[in-house]
Amino acid sequence: MHDGTTRIERGLIRELPPLLGERLGFCIYDRTMKRFLAVPLPALPEAAAAAKRPTARRSAARALGRRVERRVRGLVKGAAARTAAALDIMLERRLFPSSRAGDVLLLAGENWSRYDFDMLRRLRKDHGVRIAAVLQDMIPVVHPQFFDDAAFLIRFRAYLDFLARDADLVFAISDATRNDFLRTVPEADPERVERIELGSDIATSNEQQRPAALPDLAGRPFVLSVSTIQARKNFDLLYRLWQRLSREGRTEQPHLVIAGRPGFGSSDLLHLMRNDPAIAGTVTLLHGTSDAELAWLYANCLFTLYPSWYEGWGLPLSESLAQGKTFIASNTSSLPEAGQGLGIHLDPYDLIAWQSEVLRLTRDERVRAALERRIQTERKLSTWSDCARQIGEALNRFMN
């Protein structure tokens, strides 16, 4: 299953070319050569393939970027061996040999970790390339307790300072993210910070596939929580809730399916959940879910759960609405925006309230049906094509 960063990259890679045509190109930053290199349109691997990585901490976006980087290095080296012209390109000292003054460089991935900000400043100042960037969230500033790397927190703050002082255009993925950014870095120009909305379209109904790793539930209903498993996602609340339900012997307790790859800060909790006899047989962890399997899970679950402490947007809520399923989610950060008032929002600290609502939605089909009818008639679904169009229109205004 792709994480939020990779979904953004995939959505824009797929949808921007039809909008911008020949004006759009793709590039990577080669850290060894210390420059940007043009690349062909990147391939979009299936989610399950992208989920396979050497370590749990390596993000899908970083793995994809490194595969492209290795490919580009091979192409450049091969071209250098064949022609003197390609060798000249390799030895060219410009930071971005194929760029021209007035071009816009759109940074849409893990911007805080992949780039040398001083290099980007030189690219803007010396080569006249304008910088646009997608700001995905403000988590390291708002909730630094979820990060154990002080150097990362310093770097993220440097990234925010770069966006405020040196980026020409910033795309914030929610009002909450935009407001947190402007509050944190007051020197940023609000006129250059645009709010965009991410797409919610995933695999369609004719691409559904039951996950092979999902055990036989013998007709027992299940609820679904989709997310990379990190400390800030508050899966601890779901663990304690399912412990409590098991101890109380609740016959109406649904099965819990958590679909998401392990992330930083999750190893201790995952160990507890895999080895706790209190929840054995009532909780399933799925770490390599494909898009088709994810679509099946959404289609067949009773409702979804998202107890996260803080989000930049909340794609699982958008996807839940797109699949016509109601949810119980936290009432923090951008989640009320993503939920559109079409689900139940609770305090992520309030275990008792979560238990009450989980049991109520599980046993009361009329309540679920009423919420689902509201979703069908009131939801406002944004696709990745819509998101790309927002960005494309802003870039068109910006480039003209």
Foldseek 3Di string as FASTA:
>chain_A
DAAPQLLLVVLLLVFQCVVCPPLDWDWAQQPVLQAIDTDHSDDDDWQLVLLDDPDLADHSVNVSRVVRNVVVVVVLVVVVVVDVVSVCVSPDPDRYVPDAALAEDEARHPVLPRDDLVSVQCCCVVHNYAYEYEDWADCCPVPVVQDDDPVSSVSVVVVLVSCQPPHQAYEQAFPLRLVVSCVVVVSRDSVRYHYFHAAQDFDDPVLADADPQDDPLVPFAEEEEEHADGVQQLCVLVVVLLLVCLVVVDPLQGAYEYEEGHHPHCPVVVVCVVPPPSCVPRYHYHHSDTRNNVLNNLLRHLAYEGAGNEGSACSVLLNNLVNLGAYEYAPDRRDCVSNVPLHHHDHSVDSVVVNVVSSCSSPDVVVRVVSSVCSVVPPDGDHSNNRSVVVSVVVVVVSD
